[in-house]
């Protein structure tokens, strides 16, 4: 089943994101290589694809996992969690209807 991992950043998270980004991307790329990643990316803090110093307000990953527990465990091991980027992470089942 698919799960949405919806993460909300702490205030002024950009320096923390920059530091943890390489390790974060390794995990997301591995999920992609396994064929389980649907979509992943950050939420810019402002209405601009390149928010520069404004940074990001959170992230979204939709991917296939064997269970809710597996999705929650994967989310909890994210380097952004360890680095203190996220103040809140929510994992929800997701059913793709379109496309």
N, C-alpha and C. Protein backbone atom coordinates (compact mmCIF):
# COMPACT_ATOMS: atom_id res chain seq x y z
N UNK A 1 0.85 -1.18 0.00
CA UNK A 1 0.00 0.00 0.00
C UNK A 1 0.89 1.24 0.00
N UNK A 2 0.33 2.32 -0.52
CA UNK A 2 1.05 3.59 -0.49
C UNK A 2 0.81 4.31 0.83
N UNK A 3 1.82 5.10 1.22
CA UNK A 3 1.72 5.93 2.42
C UNK A 3 2.28 7.30 2.10
N UNK A 4 1.63 8.33 2.65
CA UNK A 4 2.11 9.71 2.54
C UNK A 4 2.86 10.04 3.83
N UNK A 5 4.07 10.50 3.67
CA UNK A 5 4.88 10.96 4.81
C UNK A 5 4.92 12.47 4.69
N UNK A 6 4.22 13.13 5.60
CA UNK A 6 4.05 14.58 5.55
C UNK A 6 4.84 15.17 6.72
N UNK A 7 5.86 15.92 6.40
CA UNK A 7 6.76 16.44 7.43
C UNK A 7 6.68 17.96 7.48
N UNK A 8 6.73 18.50 8.69
CA UNK A 8 6.71 19.94 8.91
C UNK A 8 8.03 20.36 9.55
N UNK A 9 8.66 21.36 8.96
CA UNK A 9 9.96 21.84 9.45
C UNK A 9 9.84 22.71 10.70
N UNK A 10 10.91 22.72 11.47
CA UNK A 10 11.06 23.71 12.53
C UNK A 10 11.30 25.07 11.86
N UNK A 11 11.17 26.14 12.60
CA UNK A 11 11.49 27.47 12.06
C UNK A 11 12.98 27.53 11.71
N UNK A 12 13.29 28.25 10.67
CA UNK A 12 14.67 28.47 10.24
C UNK A 12 15.44 27.16 10.05
N UNK A 13 14.81 26.22 9.36
CA UNK A 13 15.39 24.88 9.18
C UNK A 13 16.45 24.79 8.09
N UNK A 14 16.59 25.81 7.27
CA UNK A 14 17.47 25.71 6.10
C UNK A 14 18.90 25.26 6.43
N UNK A 15 19.58 25.82 7.43
CA UNK A 15 20.94 25.34 7.71
C UNK A 15 20.97 23.86 8.10
N UNK A 16 19.97 23.41 8.83
CA UNK A 16 19.88 22.00 9.21
C UNK A 16 19.63 21.13 7.99
N UNK A 17 18.75 21.58 7.09
CA UNK A 17 18.46 20.85 5.86
C UNK A 17 19.71 20.70 5.01
N UNK A 18 20.43 21.79 4.85
CA UNK A 18 21.63 21.76 4.00
C UNK A 18 22.62 20.73 4.53
N UNK A 19 22.80 20.69 5.82
CA UNK A 19 23.75 19.76 6.43
C UNK A 19 23.31 18.30 6.25
N UNK A 20 22.03 18.01 6.42
CA UNK A 20 21.55 16.62 6.38
C UNK A 20 21.09 16.17 5.00
N UNK A 21 21.03 17.07 4.03
CA UNK A 21 20.46 16.75 2.71
C UNK A 21 21.16 15.60 2.00
N UNK A 22 22.49 15.52 1.95
CA UNK A 22 23.10 14.39 1.24
C UNK A 22 22.65 13.03 1.77
N UNK A 23 22.61 12.86 3.06
CA UNK A 23 22.20 11.58 3.65
C UNK A 23 20.70 11.33 3.40
N UNK A 24 19.90 12.38 3.46
CA UNK A 24 18.47 12.27 3.19
C UNK A 24 18.25 11.79 1.76
N UNK A 25 18.96 12.40 0.82
CA UNK A 25 18.78 12.04 -0.59
C UNK A 25 19.23 10.62 -0.89
N UNK A 26 20.25 10.12 -0.20
CA UNK A 26 20.68 8.73 -0.39
C UNK A 26 19.51 7.80 -0.09
N UNK A 27 18.80 8.04 0.99
CA UNK A 27 17.67 7.18 1.37
C UNK A 27 16.51 7.29 0.38
N UNK A 28 16.23 8.51 -0.07
CA UNK A 28 15.14 8.69 -1.03
C UNK A 28 15.51 8.06 -2.37
N UNK A 29 16.76 8.20 -2.78
CA UNK A 29 17.21 7.56 -4.03
C UNK A 29 17.12 6.04 -3.93
N UNK A 30 17.41 5.47 -2.77
CA UNK A 30 17.29 4.02 -2.58
C UNK A 30 15.83 3.59 -2.69
N UNK A 31 14.93 4.39 -2.16
CA UNK A 31 13.50 4.11 -2.28
C UNK A 31 13.08 4.15 -3.74
N UNK A 32 13.61 5.13 -4.47
CA UNK A 32 13.33 5.25 -5.90
C UNK A 32 13.87 4.04 -6.66
N UNK A 33 15.09 3.64 -6.37
CA UNK A 33 15.71 2.50 -7.05
C UNK A 33 14.94 1.21 -6.80
N UNK A 34 14.27 1.12 -5.66
CA UNK A 34 13.49 -0.08 -5.35
C UNK A 34 12.15 -0.10 -6.09
N UNK A 35 11.83 1.01 -6.78
CA UNK A 35 10.58 1.10 -7.52
C UNK A 35 9.38 1.45 -6.66
N UNK A 36 9.61 1.85 -5.42
CA UNK A 36 8.51 2.11 -4.49
C UNK A 36 8.17 3.59 -4.32
N UNK A 37 8.99 4.47 -4.84
CA UNK A 37 8.75 5.91 -4.68
C UNK A 37 7.76 6.41 -5.72
N UNK A 38 6.73 7.12 -5.28
CA UNK A 38 5.76 7.75 -6.19
C UNK A 38 6.18 9.18 -6.45
N UNK A 39 6.44 9.93 -5.37
CA UNK A 39 6.82 11.34 -5.50
C UNK A 39 7.49 11.78 -4.20
N UNK A 40 8.39 12.73 -4.31
CA UNK A 40 9.05 13.26 -3.12
C UNK A 40 9.52 14.68 -3.40
N UNK A 41 9.45 15.51 -2.38
CA UNK A 41 9.97 16.86 -2.53
C UNK A 41 9.59 17.75 -1.35
N UNK A 42 10.26 18.91 -1.28
CA UNK A 42 10.00 19.85 -0.20
C UNK A 42 8.89 20.84 -0.54
N UNK A 43 8.35 21.46 0.50
CA UNK A 43 7.38 22.54 0.35
C UNK A 43 8.14 23.85 0.54
N UNK A 44 8.31 24.66 -0.53
CA UNK A 44 8.96 25.96 -0.34
C UNK A 44 8.18 26.81 0.66
N UNK A 45 8.90 27.57 1.47
CA UNK A 45 8.27 28.41 2.49
C UNK A 45 7.54 29.61 1.88
N UNK A 46 7.85 29.92 0.63
CA UNK A 46 7.17 31.00 -0.08
C UNK A 46 6.72 30.47 -1.44
N UNK A 47 5.92 31.22 -2.14
CA UNK A 47 5.38 30.81 -3.43
C UNK A 47 6.43 31.00 -4.52
N UNK A 48 7.46 30.16 -4.48
CA UNK A 48 8.56 30.24 -5.44
C UNK A 48 9.28 28.89 -5.43
N UNK A 49 9.59 28.36 -6.60
CA UNK A 49 10.29 27.07 -6.67
C UNK A 49 11.67 27.12 -6.04
N UNK A 50 12.29 28.28 -6.04
CA UNK A 50 13.62 28.46 -5.46
C UNK A 50 13.54 29.51 -4.36
N UNK A 51 13.17 29.10 -3.15
CA UNK A 51 12.92 30.08 -2.09
C UNK A 51 14.18 30.69 -1.48
N UNK A 52 15.35 30.24 -1.92
CA UNK A 52 16.62 30.77 -1.41
C UNK A 52 16.62 30.81 0.12
N UNK A 53 16.90 31.94 0.72
CA UNK A 53 17.06 32.06 2.17
C UNK A 53 15.76 31.79 2.93
N UNK A 54 14.62 31.88 2.25
CA UNK A 54 13.34 31.62 2.92
C UNK A 54 13.22 30.14 3.30
N UNK A 55 13.89 29.29 2.56
CA UNK A 55 13.91 27.87 2.88
C UNK A 55 12.62 27.14 2.61
N UNK A 56 12.36 26.12 3.42
CA UNK A 56 11.23 25.23 3.20
C UNK A 56 10.43 25.07 4.48
N UNK A 57 9.15 24.73 4.31
CA UNK A 57 8.27 24.55 5.47
C UNK A 57 8.01 23.09 5.78
N UNK A 58 8.47 22.19 4.94
CA UNK A 58 8.26 20.77 5.16
C UNK A 58 8.53 19.97 3.92
N UNK A 59 8.12 18.71 3.94
CA UNK A 59 8.37 17.79 2.83
C UNK A 59 7.21 16.82 2.68
N UNK A 60 7.12 16.23 1.50
CA UNK A 60 6.14 15.20 1.22
C UNK A 60 6.83 14.05 0.49
N UNK A 61 6.60 12.84 0.97
CA UNK A 61 7.04 11.64 0.29
C UNK A 61 5.84 10.72 0.21
N UNK A 62 5.54 10.23 -0.99
CA UNK A 62 4.52 9.20 -1.15
C UNK A 62 5.24 8.00 -1.73
N UNK A 63 5.13 6.87 -1.02
CA UNK A 63 5.85 5.67 -1.42
C UNK A 63 5.10 4.43 -0.95
N UNK A 64 5.48 3.31 -1.54
CA UNK A 64 4.89 2.03 -1.18
C UNK A 64 5.70 1.38 -0.06
N UNK A 65 4.99 0.93 0.96
CA UNK A 65 5.60 0.19 2.07
C UNK A 65 4.73 -1.02 2.37
N UNK A 66 5.29 -2.00 3.05
CA UNK A 66 4.55 -3.22 3.37
C UNK A 66 3.46 -2.98 4.41
N UNK A 67 3.62 -1.96 5.23
CA UNK A 67 2.66 -1.69 6.29
C UNK A 67 2.84 -0.27 6.81
N UNK A 68 1.87 0.18 7.59
CA UNK A 68 1.97 1.47 8.25
C UNK A 68 3.20 1.50 9.16
N UNK A 69 3.42 0.40 9.88
CA UNK A 69 4.58 0.33 10.78
C UNK A 69 5.88 0.47 10.01
N UNK A 70 5.97 -0.13 8.84
CA UNK A 70 7.18 -0.02 8.02
C UNK A 70 7.37 1.42 7.52
N UNK A 71 6.29 2.06 7.13
CA UNK A 71 6.37 3.46 6.67
C UNK A 71 6.79 4.37 7.82
N UNK A 72 6.21 4.15 9.00
CA UNK A 72 6.56 4.96 10.17
C UNK A 72 8.02 4.75 10.57
N UNK A 73 8.49 3.52 10.50
CA UNK A 73 9.88 3.25 10.84
C UNK A 73 10.82 3.91 9.84
N UNK A 74 10.48 3.85 8.55
CA UNK A 74 11.30 4.48 7.52
C UNK A 74 11.36 5.99 7.77
N UNK A 75 10.21 6.59 8.06
CA UNK A 75 10.14 8.03 8.30
C UNK A 75 10.95 8.41 9.54
N UNK A 76 10.88 7.61 10.58
CA UNK A 76 11.59 7.92 11.83
C UNK A 76 13.11 7.87 11.66
N UNK A 77 13.59 7.09 10.68
CA UNK A 77 15.03 6.96 10.44
C UNK A 77 15.58 8.01 9.48
N UNK A 78 14.75 8.93 9.04
CA UNK A 78 15.20 9.96 8.09
C UNK A 78 16.27 10.83 8.74
N UNK A 79 17.36 11.09 8.03
CA UNK A 79 18.40 11.98 8.56
C UNK A 79 17.88 13.38 8.93
N UNK A 80 16.83 13.83 8.28
CA UNK A 80 16.26 15.12 8.65
C UNK A 80 15.66 15.07 10.06
N UNK A 81 15.13 13.93 10.46
CA UNK A 81 14.62 13.77 11.83
C UNK A 81 15.79 13.86 12.81
N UNK A 82 16.84 13.11 12.53
CA UNK A 82 18.02 13.10 13.42
C UNK A 82 18.66 14.48 13.52
N UNK A 83 18.61 15.25 12.42
CA UNK A 83 19.23 16.57 12.40
C UNK A 83 18.35 17.66 13.01
N UNK A 84 17.11 17.32 13.36
CA UNK A 84 16.21 18.31 13.95
C UNK A 84 15.52 19.20 12.94
N UNK A 85 15.48 18.80 11.67
CA UNK A 85 14.81 19.59 10.63
C UNK A 85 13.29 19.60 10.86
N UNK A 86 12.75 18.45 11.21
CA UNK A 86 11.30 18.31 11.32
C UNK A 86 10.82 18.48 12.75
N UNK A 87 9.73 19.25 12.90
CA UNK A 87 9.08 19.35 14.21
C UNK A 87 7.93 18.36 14.31
N UNK A 88 7.43 17.90 13.15
CA UNK A 88 6.32 16.96 13.15
C UNK A 88 6.37 16.12 11.88
N UNK A 89 6.13 14.81 12.03
CA UNK A 89 6.04 13.91 10.89
C UNK A 89 4.76 13.10 11.04
N UNK A 90 3.94 13.14 10.00
CA UNK A 90 2.69 12.39 9.98
C UNK A 90 2.76 11.37 8.85
N UNK A 91 2.37 10.15 9.15
CA UNK A 91 2.31 9.09 8.13
C UNK A 91 0.87 8.66 8.01
N UNK A 92 0.37 8.69 6.75
CA UNK A 92 -1.02 8.34 6.49
C UNK A 92 -1.10 7.37 5.32
N UNK A 93 -2.04 6.43 5.35
CA UNK A 93 -2.26 5.61 4.16
C UNK A 93 -2.70 6.53 3.01
N UNK A 94 -2.33 6.15 1.79
CA UNK A 94 -2.65 6.95 0.62
C UNK A 94 -3.15 6.03 -0.48
N UNK A 95 -4.25 6.39 -1.07
CA UNK A 95 -4.80 5.63 -2.21
C UNK A 95 -4.75 6.51 -3.44
N UNK A 96 -3.94 6.13 -4.41
CA UNK A 96 -3.84 6.90 -5.64
C UNK A 96 -5.04 6.61 -6.53
N UNK A 97 -5.72 7.67 -6.96
CA UNK A 97 -6.86 7.56 -7.87
C UNK A 97 -6.47 8.03 -9.26
N UNK A 98 -5.78 9.15 -9.34
CA UNK A 98 -5.35 9.72 -10.63
C UNK A 98 -3.88 10.11 -10.54
N UNK A 99 -3.11 10.18 -11.53
CA UNK A 99 -3.38 9.58 -12.84
C UNK A 99 -3.28 8.08 -12.78
